[in-house]
Amino acid sequence: MIGIGFGPSNLALAIAVEEHNAQVAPSAALRVTFLERQERFGWHRGMLLDGATMQMSYLKDLVTLRNQASDFSFVSYLHGQDRLVDFINHKTMFPLRHEFHDYLEWAAGRLDHLVEYGSEVVDLRPVTLGGEIAFIDVVSRRGGGPERTEVRRARNVVIAAGLEPRTPDGIGLTERVWHNHDLLDRVGAMPSTPRGRFLVVGAGQSAAEVTEYLHSNFPRAEVHTVFARYGFSPADDSSFANQIFDPTAVDDFFHAPDKVRAMLLDYHRGTNCSVV
């Protein structure tokens, strides 16, 4: 198996593979490699804002819902950092995003032997036997040069390449037009000219966090938000609506007809990142 990308999704898969292989005979072990375009592990580094918290319980970590005895859990991470008692005393289900990123890095560091960083997948080529696809050749490139491509053959490929930044039609990213994905890096590299006004486009969770960050760090500047609604919409984080994220809901959604999928997405839109 080859995994494309090594964010939280494929990181959780890597843990599952590692735990599976530890329990079976070597002949039954899975052979797996993950290819990651970044040079090191990182998850939304540009939005690791001070004070920003996760929107989900720490129990929805990389492993707990699948294996409660795993030593890759967030609780095991806290214990290893000598922070378990402090976290309990903090009386929260929602850790800081900084701390959860540190947890992800901690887990990824234990699986370095399964990952090749700096490897960008550029092509997938089906290999047919008897008229059916039997394997997939995964073509990757290191260092940006076409002469350094490598081909690996796998029975299974898991694509978890993450999100790509989007901008409104006709708007390109420049020195002064950014995507929030790169916020902290861009702010740090801003020209030294007066910073009198910022414009934030969007009304979701990230837009609200960016707006609050700019107000706090540039108190003399005007900060405007522009969006199609009359105001920010609060997230529906009730236990009823959040059942859409339950493990059993995955199968419901996967097997549902397209119309039902669209209906579920519309009904539960207020639970995710488009709201605050």
C-alpha atoms as a PDB file:
ATOM      1  CA  MET A   1       0.000   0.000   0.000  1.00  0.00           C
ATOM      2  CA  ILE A   2       1.146   3.518  -0.777  1.00  0.00           C
ATOM      3  CA  GLY A   3      -0.292   6.578   0.955  1.00  0.00           C
ATOM      4  CA  ILE A   4      -0.201   9.909  -0.842  1.00  0.00           C
ATOM      5  CA  GLY A   5       0.128  12.685   1.710  1.00  0.00           C
ATOM      6  CA  PHE A   6       0.921  12.419   5.391  1.00  0.00           C
ATOM      7  CA  GLY A   7      -1.513  14.638   7.223  1.00  0.00           C
ATOM      8  CA  PRO A   8      -3.759  13.503  10.080  1.00  0.00           C
ATOM      9  CA  SER A   9      -5.756  11.095   7.891  1.00  0.00           C
ATOM     10  CA  ASN A  10      -2.870   9.024   6.560  1.00  0.00           C
ATOM     11  CA  LEU A  11      -1.052   9.437   9.882  1.00  0.00           C
ATOM     12  CA  ALA A  12      -3.968   7.651  11.553  1.00  0.00           C
ATOM     13  CA  LEU A  13      -3.768   4.965   8.858  1.00  0.00           C
ATOM     14  CA  ALA A  14      -0.026   4.569   9.466  1.00  0.00           C
ATOM     15  CA  ILE A  15      -0.709   3.992  13.168  1.00  0.00           C
ATOM     16  CA  ALA A  16      -3.303   1.340  12.302  1.00  0.00           C
ATOM     17  CA  VAL A  17      -0.794  -0.400  10.020  1.00  0.00           C
ATOM     18  CA  GLU A  18       1.949  -0.231  12.655  1.00  0.00           C
ATOM     19  CA  GLU A  19      -0.330  -1.725  15.301  1.00  0.00           C
ATOM     20  CA  HIS A  20      -1.560  -4.424  12.901  1.00  0.00           C
ATOM     21  CA  ASN A  21       1.980  -5.433  11.963  1.00  0.00           C
ATOM     22  CA  ALA A  22       2.978  -5.674  15.628  1.00  0.00           C
ATOM     23  CA  GLN A  23       0.300  -8.333  16.203  1.00  0.00           C
ATOM     24  CA  VAL A  24       0.799 -10.614  13.185  1.00  0.00           C
ATOM     25  CA  ALA A  25       3.505 -12.861  11.830  1.00  0.00           C
ATOM     26  CA  PRO A  26       6.051 -11.161   9.544  1.00  0.00           C
ATOM     27  CA  SER A  27       4.569 -12.998   6.549  1.00  0.00           C
ATOM     28  CA  ALA A  28       1.194 -11.344   7.221  1.00  0.00           C
ATOM     29  CA  ALA A  29       2.556  -7.851   7.801  1.00  0.00           C
ATOM     30  CA  LEU A  30       1.463  -5.045   5.500  1.00  0.00           C
ATOM     31  CA  ARG A  31       4.120  -3.301   3.441  1.00  0.00           C
ATOM     32  CA  VAL A  32       3.376   0.401   3.279  1.00  0.00           C
ATOM     33  CA  THR A  33       5.071   3.648   2.310  1.00  0.00           C
ATOM     34  CA  PHE A  34       3.724   7.180   2.657  1.00  0.00           C
ATOM     35  CA  LEU A  35       4.873   9.923   0.293  1.00  0.00           C
ATOM     36  CA  GLU A  36       4.640  13.509   1.536  1.00  0.00           C
ATOM     37  CA  ARG A  37       5.397  16.619  -0.521  1.00  0.00           C
ATOM     38  CA  GLN A  38       6.426  18.703   2.522  1.00  0.00           C
ATOM     39  CA  GLU A  39       9.957  18.400   3.843  1.00  0.00           C
ATOM     40  CA  ARG A  40       8.677  17.653   7.353  1.00  0.00           C
ATOM     41  CA  PHE A  41       5.398  17.020   9.093  1.00  0.00           C
ATOM     42  CA  GLY A  42       3.121  20.033   9.388  1.00  0.00           C
ATOM     43  CA  TRP A  43      -0.607  20.633   9.736  1.00  0.00           C
ATOM     44  CA  HIS A  44      -1.959  24.121   8.975  1.00  0.00           C
ATOM     45  CA  ARG A  45       1.111  25.778  10.460  1.00  0.00           C
ATOM     46  CA  GLY A  46       0.027  29.171   9.167  1.00  0.00           C
ATOM     47  CA  MET A  47      -3.079  29.064  11.382  1.00  0.00           C
ATOM     48  CA  LEU A  48      -1.518  27.988  14.673  1.00  0.00           C
ATOM     49  CA  LEU A  49      -2.801  31.140  16.342  1.00  0.00           C
ATOM     50  CA  ASP A  50      -2.272  31.776  20.030  1.00  0.00           C
ATOM     51  CA  GLY A  51      -5.337  30.760  21.993  1.00  0.00           C
ATOM     52  CA  ALA A  52      -7.070  28.976  19.087  1.00  0.00           C
ATOM     53  CA  THR A  53      -8.629  25.709  20.231  1.00  0.00           C
ATOM     54  CA  MET A  54      -9.682  22.548  18.465  1.00  0.00           C
ATOM     55  CA  GLN A  55     -13.365  22.248  17.558  1.00  0.00           C
ATOM     56  CA  MET A  56     -13.525  18.583  18.505  1.00  0.00           C
ATOM     57  CA  SER A  57     -12.963  16.570  21.650  1.00  0.00           C
ATOM     58  CA  TYR A  58      -9.452  15.329  22.334  1.00  0.00           C
ATOM     59  CA  LEU A  59     -10.956  11.822  22.411  1.00  0.00           C
ATOM     60  CA  LYS A  60     -11.402  12.128  18.639  1.00  0.00           C
ATOM     61  CA  ASP A  61      -7.663  11.846  18.227  1.00  0.00           C
ATOM     62  CA  LEU A  62      -5.741   9.660  15.783  1.00  0.00           C
ATOM     63  CA  VAL A  63      -6.587   6.356  17.394  1.00  0.00           C
ATOM     64  CA  THR A  64      -8.860   6.264  20.464  1.00  0.00           C
ATOM     65  CA  LEU A  65     -12.158   5.471  18.710  1.00  0.00           C
ATOM     66  CA  ARG A  66     -10.459   2.511  17.009  1.00  0.00           C
ATOM     67  CA  ASN A  67      -8.141   1.249  19.746  1.00  0.00           C
ATOM     68  CA  GLN A  68      -8.634   2.547  23.270  1.00  0.00           C
ATOM     69  CA  ALA A  69      -5.499   0.749  24.482  1.00  0.00           C
ATOM     70  CA  SER A  70      -3.176   2.392  21.929  1.00  0.00           C
ATOM     71  CA  ASP A  71      -0.108   4.269  23.123  1.00  0.00           C
ATOM     72  CA  PHE A  72      -0.579   6.686  20.191  1.00  0.00           C
ATOM     73  CA  SER A  73      -3.521   8.389  21.902  1.00  0.00           C
ATOM     74  CA  PHE A  74      -3.633  12.041  22.931  1.00  0.00           C
ATOM     75  CA  VAL A  75      -3.712  10.915  26.565  1.00  0.00           C
ATOM     76  CA  SER A  76      -0.513   8.893  26.016  1.00  0.00           C
ATOM     77  CA  TYR A  77       1.072  11.970  24.442  1.00  0.00           C
ATOM     78  CA  LEU A  78       0.118  14.086  27.462  1.00  0.00           C
ATOM     79  CA  HIS A  79       1.567  11.451  29.796  1.00  0.00           C
ATOM     80  CA  GLY A  80       4.808  11.372  27.813  1.00  0.00           C
ATOM     81  CA  GLN A  81       5.091  15.166  28.023  1.00  0.00           C
ATOM     82  CA  ASP A  82       4.361  15.120  31.766  1.00  0.00           C
ATOM     83  CA  ARG A  83       1.267  17.234  31.091  1.00  0.00           C
ATOM     84  CA  LEU A  84      -1.553  14.819  31.854  1.00  0.00           C
ATOM     85  CA  VAL A  85      -2.382  16.209  35.309  1.00  0.00           C
ATOM     86  CA  ASP A  86      -2.202  19.810  34.058  1.00  0.00           C
ATOM     87  CA  PHE A  87      -4.545  19.018  31.176  1.00  0.00           C
ATOM     88  CA  ILE A  88      -7.035  17.319  33.485  1.00  0.00           C
ATOM     89  CA  ASN A  89      -6.967  20.310  35.823  1.00  0.00           C
ATOM     90  CA  HIS A  90      -7.630  22.621  32.877  1.00  0.00           C
ATOM     91  CA  LYS A  91     -11.097  21.028  32.675  1.00  0.00           C
ATOM     92  CA  THR A  92     -11.567  21.165  28.912  1.00  0.00           C
ATOM     93  CA  MET A  93     -12.416  18.723  26.144  1.00  0.00           C
ATOM     94  CA  PHE A  94     -10.884  20.998  23.493  1.00  0.00           C
ATOM     95  CA  PRO A  95      -7.085  21.357  23.539  1.00  0.00           C
ATOM     96  CA  LEU A  96      -5.248  24.304  22.066  1.00  0.00           C
ATOM     97  CA  ARG A  97      -4.469  23.876  18.384  1.00  0.00           C
ATOM     98  CA  HIS A  98      -0.773  24.378  19.198  1.00  0.00           C
ATOM     99  CA  GLU A  99      -0.868  21.454  21.600  1.00  0.00           C
ATOM    100  CA  PHE A 100      -2.785  19.202  19.233  1.00  0.00           C
ATOM    101  CA  HIS A 101      -0.273  19.993  16.461  1.00  0.00           C
ATOM    102  CA  ASP A 102       2.495  19.006  18.857  1.00  0.00           C
ATOM    103  CA  TYR A 103       0.637  15.738  19.468  1.00  0.00           C
ATOM    104  CA  LEU A 104       0.434  15.077  15.719  1.00  0.00           C
ATOM    105  CA  GLU A 105       4.164  15.799  15.338  1.00  0.00           C
ATOM    106  CA  TRP A 106       4.898  13.476  18.262  1.00  0.00           C
ATOM    107  CA  ALA A 107       2.968  10.658  16.599  1.00  0.00           C
ATOM    108  CA  ALA A 108       4.438  11.318  13.149  1.00  0.00           C
ATOM    109  CA  GLY A 109       7.966  11.297  14.562  1.00  0.00           C
ATOM    110  CA  ARG A 110       7.450   7.745  15.792  1.00  0.00           C
ATOM    111  CA  LEU A 111       6.573   6.644  12.247  1.00  0.00           C
ATOM    112  CA  ASP A 112       9.415   8.247  10.294  1.00  0.00           C
ATOM    113  CA  HIS A 113      10.412   4.810   9.008  1.00  0.00           C
ATOM    114  CA  LEU A 114       7.166   4.639   7.011  1.00  0.00           C
ATOM    115  CA  VAL A 115       7.368   8.102   5.397  1.00  0.00           C
ATOM    116  CA  GLU A 116       9.397   9.719   2.653  1.00  0.00           C
ATOM    117  CA  TYR A 117       9.205  13.489   3.000  1.00  0.00           C
ATOM    118  CA  GLY A 118      10.028  15.775   0.101  1.00  0.00           C
ATOM    119  CA  SER A 119       8.402  13.318  -2.343  1.00  0.00           C
ATOM    120  CA  GLU A 120       5.703  14.720  -4.626  1.00  0.00           C
ATOM    121  CA  VAL A 121       3.451  12.230  -6.414  1.00  0.00           C
ATOM    122  CA  VAL A 122       3.085  13.303 -10.059  1.00  0.00           C
ATOM    123  CA  ASP A 123       1.282  10.371 -11.694  1.00  0.00           C
ATOM    124  CA  LEU A 124      -0.687   7.181 -11.055  1.00  0.00           C
ATOM    125  CA  ARG A 125      -0.500   4.525 -13.786  1.00  0.00           C
ATOM    126  CA  PRO A 126      -2.787   1.474 -13.806  1.00  0.00           C
ATOM    127  CA  VAL A 127      -1.176  -1.897 -14.464  1.00  0.00           C
ATOM    128  CA  THR A 128      -3.588  -4.380 -16.040  1.00  0.00           C
ATOM    129  CA  LEU A 129      -3.519  -8.159 -15.996  1.00  0.00           C
ATOM    130  CA  GLY A 130      -6.097 -10.059 -17.998  1.00  0.00           C
ATOM    131  CA  GLY A 131      -7.976  -6.887 -18.784  1.00  0.00           C
ATOM    132  CA  GLU A 132      -8.348  -5.850 -15.113  1.00  0.00           C
ATOM    133  CA  ILE A 133      -6.379  -3.376 -13.025  1.00  0.00           C
ATOM    134  CA  ALA A 134      -4.144  -5.446 -10.749  1.00  0.00           C
ATOM    135  CA  PHE A 135      -1.607  -2.856  -9.554  1.00  0.00           C
ATOM    136  CA  ILE A 136      -0.946   0.865  -9.630  1.00  0.00           C
ATOM    137  CA  ASP A 137       2.428   2.387 -10.422  1.00  0.00           C
ATOM    138  CA  VAL A 138       2.948   5.491  -8.298  1.00  0.00           C
ATOM    139  CA  VAL A 139       5.360   7.987  -9.834  1.00  0.00           C
ATOM    140  CA  SER A 140       6.968  10.434  -7.415  1.00  0.00           C
ATOM    141  CA  ARG A 141       9.541  13.171  -7.759  1.00  0.00           C
ATOM    142  CA  ARG A 142      12.125  14.419  -5.295  1.00  0.00           C
ATOM    143  CA  GLY A 143      13.800  17.790  -5.351  1.00  0.00           C
ATOM    144  CA  GLY A 144      11.615  19.178  -8.133  1.00  0.00           C
ATOM    145  CA  GLY A 145      13.651  17.707 -11.008  1.00  0.00           C
ATOM    146  CA  PRO A 146      12.055  15.342 -13.542  1.00  0.00           C
ATOM    147  CA  GLU A 147      15.278  13.328 -13.707  1.00  0.00           C
ATOM    148  CA  ARG A 148      14.766  12.249 -10.091  1.00  0.00           C
ATOM    149  CA  THR A 149      11.481  10.411 -10.491  1.00  0.00           C
ATOM    150  CA  GLU A 150      10.848   7.078  -8.830  1.00  0.00           C
ATOM    151  CA  VAL A 151       8.208   4.450  -9.581  1.00  0.00           C
ATOM    152  CA  ARG A 152       6.678   2.205  -6.929  1.00  0.00           C
ATOM    153  CA  ARG A 153       4.126  -0.532  -7.621  1.00  0.00           C
ATOM    154  CA  ALA A 154       1.297  -1.092  -5.142  1.00  0.00           C
ATOM    155  CA  ARG A 155      -1.907  -3.072  -4.853  1.00  0.00           C
ATOM    156  CA  ASN A 156      -3.615  -0.235  -3.029  1.00  0.00           C
ATOM    157  CA  VAL A 157      -3.204   3.549  -3.035  1.00  0.00           C
ATOM    158  CA  VAL A 158      -4.709   5.823  -0.380  1.00  0.00           C
ATOM    159  CA  ILE A 159      -4.994   9.448  -1.452  1.00  0.00           C
ATOM    160  CA  ALA A 160      -5.080  11.945   1.413  1.00  0.00           C
ATOM    161  CA  ALA A 161      -3.444  14.941  -0.202  1.00  0.00           C
ATOM    162  CA  GLY A 162      -5.190  17.579   1.890  1.00  0.00           C
ATOM    163  CA  LEU A 163      -6.902  20.785   0.839  1.00  0.00           C
ATOM    164  CA  GLU A 164      -5.762  23.299  -1.742  1.00  0.00           C
ATOM    165  CA  PRO A 165      -6.193  27.042  -1.029  1.00  0.00           C
ATOM    166  CA  ARG A 166      -8.991  28.658  -3.050  1.00  0.00           C
ATOM    167  CA  THR A 167      -9.563  32.309  -3.880  1.00  0.00           C
ATOM    168  CA  PRO A 168     -12.552  34.099  -5.425  1.00  0.00           C
ATOM    169  CA  ASP A 169     -12.679  34.108  -9.219  1.00  0.00           C
ATOM    170  CA  GLY A 170     -10.357  36.712 -10.680  1.00  0.00           C
ATOM    171  CA  ILE A 171      -8.304  37.082  -7.503  1.00  0.00           C
ATOM    172  CA  GLY A 172      -4.705  35.915  -7.451  1.00  0.00           C
ATOM    173  CA  LEU A 173      -2.393  35.536  -4.468  1.00  0.00           C
ATOM    174  CA  THR A 174       0.186  38.323  -4.244  1.00  0.00           C
ATOM    175  CA  GLU A 175       2.433  40.026  -1.705  1.00  0.00           C
ATOM    176  CA  ARG A 176      -0.668  41.697  -0.250  1.00  0.00           C
ATOM    177  CA  VAL A 177      -3.371  39.149  -1.064  1.00  0.00           C
ATOM    178  CA  TRP A 178      -3.044  35.964   0.995  1.00  0.00           C
ATOM    179  CA  HIS A 179      -4.901  32.828   1.858  1.00  0.00           C
ATOM    180  CA  ASN A 180      -5.404  32.285   5.574  1.00  0.00           C
ATOM    181  CA  HIS A 181      -3.499  29.001   5.220  1.00  0.00           C
ATOM    182  CA  ASP A 182      -0.308  31.124   5.093  1.00  0.00           C
ATOM    183  CA  LEU A 183      -1.376  33.825   7.552  1.00  0.00           C
ATOM    184  CA  LEU A 184       1.432  33.714  10.116  1.00  0.00           C
ATOM    185  CA  ASP A 185       4.190  33.456   7.494  1.00  0.00           C
ATOM    186  CA  ARG A 186       2.673  36.294   5.456  1.00  0.00           C
ATOM    187  CA  VAL A 187       2.195  38.587   8.428  1.00  0.00           C
ATOM    188  CA  GLY A 188       5.798  38.012   9.431  1.00  0.00           C
ATOM    189  CA  ALA A 189       7.004  38.968   5.944  1.00  0.00           C
ATOM    190  CA  MET A 190       4.733  42.005   5.455  1.00  0.00           C
ATOM    191  CA  PRO A 191       6.313  45.147   3.982  1.00  0.00           C
ATOM    192  CA  SER A 192       7.091  47.811   6.559  1.00  0.00           C
ATOM    193  CA  THR A 193       4.705  50.323   5.001  1.00  0.00           C
ATOM    194  CA  PRO A 194       1.775  51.516   7.187  1.00  0.00           C
ATOM    195  CA  ARG A 195      -0.696  48.770   8.064  1.00  0.00           C
ATOM    196  CA  GLY A 196      -3.817  50.849   8.352  1.00  0.00           C
ATOM    197  CA  ARG A 197      -6.453  48.539   6.953  1.00  0.00           C
ATOM    198  CA  PHE A 198      -7.047  44.816   6.535  1.00  0.00           C
ATOM    199  CA  LEU A 199      -9.831  43.098   4.604  1.00  0.00           C
ATOM    200  CA  VAL A 200     -10.887  39.550   5.499  1.00  0.00           C
ATOM    201  CA  VAL A 201     -13.067  37.755   2.939  1.00  0.00           C
ATOM    202  CA  GLY A 202     -15.245  34.981   4.325  1.00  0.00           C
ATOM    203  CA  ALA A 203     -17.492  34.165   7.276  1.00  0.00           C
ATOM    204  CA  GLY A 204     -16.294  30.764   8.450  1.00  0.00           C
ATOM    205  CA  GLN A 205     -14.242  29.686  11.443  1.00  0.00           C
ATOM    206  CA  SER A 206     -10.913  30.635   9.868  1.00  0.00           C
ATOM    207  CA  ALA A 207     -12.174  34.074   8.840  1.00  0.00           C
ATOM    208  CA  ALA A 208     -13.347  34.768  12.388  1.00  0.00           C
ATOM    209  CA  GLU A 209     -10.021  33.637  13.834  1.00  0.00           C
ATOM    210  CA  VAL A 210      -8.084  35.781  11.360  1.00  0.00           C
ATOM    211  CA  THR A 211     -10.261  38.803  12.162  1.00  0.00           C
ATOM    212  CA  GLU A 212      -9.708  38.372  15.900  1.00  0.00           C
ATOM    213  CA  TYR A 213      -5.963  37.894  15.351  1.00  0.00           C
ATOM    214  CA  LEU A 214      -5.657  41.093  13.310  1.00  0.00           C
ATOM    215  CA  HIS A 215      -7.665  43.110  15.840  1.00  0.00           C
ATOM    216  CA  SER A 216      -5.406  41.869  18.630  1.00  0.00           C
ATOM    217  CA  ASN A 217      -2.065  42.295  16.864  1.00  0.00           C
ATOM    218  CA  PHE A 218      -2.769  45.526  14.970  1.00  0.00           C
ATOM    219  CA  PRO A 219      -5.000  47.481  17.363  1.00  0.00           C
ATOM    220  CA  ARG A 220      -4.618  50.751  15.426  1.00  0.00           C
ATOM    221  CA  ALA A 221      -5.680  49.226  12.099  1.00  0.00           C
ATOM    222  CA  GLU A 222      -9.159  48.991  10.605  1.00  0.00           C
ATOM    223  CA  VAL A 223     -10.213  45.363  10.148  1.00  0.00           C
ATOM    224  CA  HIS A 224     -13.124  44.706   7.798  1.00  0.00           C
ATOM    225  CA  THR A 225     -14.825  41.416   7.040  1.00  0.00           C
ATOM    226  CA  VAL A 226     -16.732  40.896   3.803  1.00  0.00           C
ATOM    227  CA  PHE A 227     -19.194  38.057   3.269  1.00  0.00           C
ATOM    228  CA  ALA A 228     -22.566  37.291   1.735  1.00  0.00           C
ATOM    229  CA  ARG A 229     -24.481  36.838   4.994  1.00  0.00           C
ATOM    230  CA  TYR A 230     -25.771  39.538   7.342  1.00  0.00           C
ATOM    231  CA  GLY A 231     -23.429  38.296  10.046  1.00  0.00           C
ATOM    232  CA  PHE A 232     -21.317  35.446  11.296  1.00  0.00           C
ATOM    233  CA  SER A 233     -23.237  32.220  11.947  1.00  0.00           C
ATOM    234  CA  PRO A 234     -22.544  30.231  15.122  1.00  0.00           C
ATOM    235  CA  ALA A 235     -21.618  26.573  14.833  1.00  0.00           C
ATOM    236  CA  ASP A 236     -24.220  23.969  15.708  1.00  0.00           C
ATOM    237  CA  ASP A 237     -22.140  21.871  18.092  1.00  0.00           C
ATOM    238  CA  SER A 238     -25.029  20.076  19.767  1.00  0.00           C
ATOM    239  CA  SER A 239     -24.729  16.346  20.364  1.00  0.00           C
ATOM    240  CA  PHE A 240     -27.629  15.787  17.950  1.00  0.00           C
ATOM    241  CA  ALA A 241     -26.154  17.551  14.918  1.00  0.00           C
ATOM    242  CA  ASN A 242     -22.671  16.183  15.558  1.00  0.00           C
ATOM    243  CA  GLN A 243     -23.886  12.624  15.047  1.00  0.00           C
ATOM    244  CA  ILE A 244     -23.024  13.283  11.389  1.00  0.00           C
ATOM    245  CA  PHE A 245     -19.394  12.715  12.476  1.00  0.00           C
ATOM    246  CA  ASP A 246     -20.058   9.439  14.305  1.00  0.00           C
ATOM    247  CA  PRO A 247     -18.211   6.377  12.928  1.00  0.00           C
ATOM    248  CA  THR A 248     -21.507   4.732  11.938  1.00  0.00           C
ATOM    249  CA  ALA A 249     -22.455   7.817   9.918  1.00  0.00           C
ATOM    250  CA  VAL A 250     -19.542   7.133   7.574  1.00  0.00           C
ATOM    251  CA  ASP A 251     -21.246   4.016   6.234  1.00  0.00           C
ATOM    252  CA  ASP A 252     -24.623   5.777   6.075  1.00  0.00           C
ATOM    253  CA  PHE A 253     -23.102   8.538   3.976  1.00  0.00           C
ATOM    254  CA  PHE A 254     -21.005   6.241   1.778  1.00  0.00           C
ATOM    255  CA  HIS A 255     -23.918   4.015   0.789  1.00  0.00           C
ATOM    256  CA  ALA A 256     -26.467   6.829   0.413  1.00  0.00           C
ATOM    257  CA  PRO A 257     -27.741   7.934  -3.028  1.00  0.00           C
ATOM    258  CA  ASP A 258     -26.395  11.256  -4.304  1.00  0.00           C
ATOM    259  CA  LYS A 259     -29.584  13.119  -3.395  1.00  0.00           C
ATOM    260  CA  VAL A 260     -29.436  11.874   0.186  1.00  0.00           C
ATOM    261  CA  ARG A 261     -25.767  12.802   0.461  1.00  0.00           C
ATOM    262  CA  ALA A 262     -26.560  16.329  -0.721  1.00  0.00           C
ATOM    263  CA  MET A 263     -29.421  16.531   1.774  1.00  0.00           C
ATOM    264  CA  LEU A 264     -27.188  15.439   4.670  1.00  0.00           C
ATOM    265  CA  LEU A 265     -24.493  17.947   3.715  1.00  0.00           C
ATOM    266  CA  ASP A 266     -27.076  20.721   3.519  1.00  0.00           C
ATOM    267  CA  TYR A 267     -28.755  19.798   6.819  1.00  0.00           C
ATOM    268  CA  HIS A 268     -25.460  19.633   8.715  1.00  0.00           C
ATOM    269  CA  ARG A 269     -23.582  22.475   7.051  1.00  0.00           C
ATOM    270  CA  GLY A 270     -23.736  24.430  10.307  1.00  0.00           C
ATOM    271  CA  THR A 271     -21.545  21.916  12.148  1.00  0.00           C
ATOM    272  CA  ASN A 272     -18.293  22.538  10.308  1.00  0.00           C
ATOM    273  CA  CYS A 273     -15.795  25.171   9.228  1.00  0.00           C
ATOM    274  CA  SER A 274     -18.252  27.438   7.362  1.00  0.00           C
ATOM    275  CA  VAL A 275     -19.551  28.621  10.746  1.00  0.00           C
ATOM    276  CA  VAL A 276     -17.952  30.032  13.882  1.00  0.00           C
END
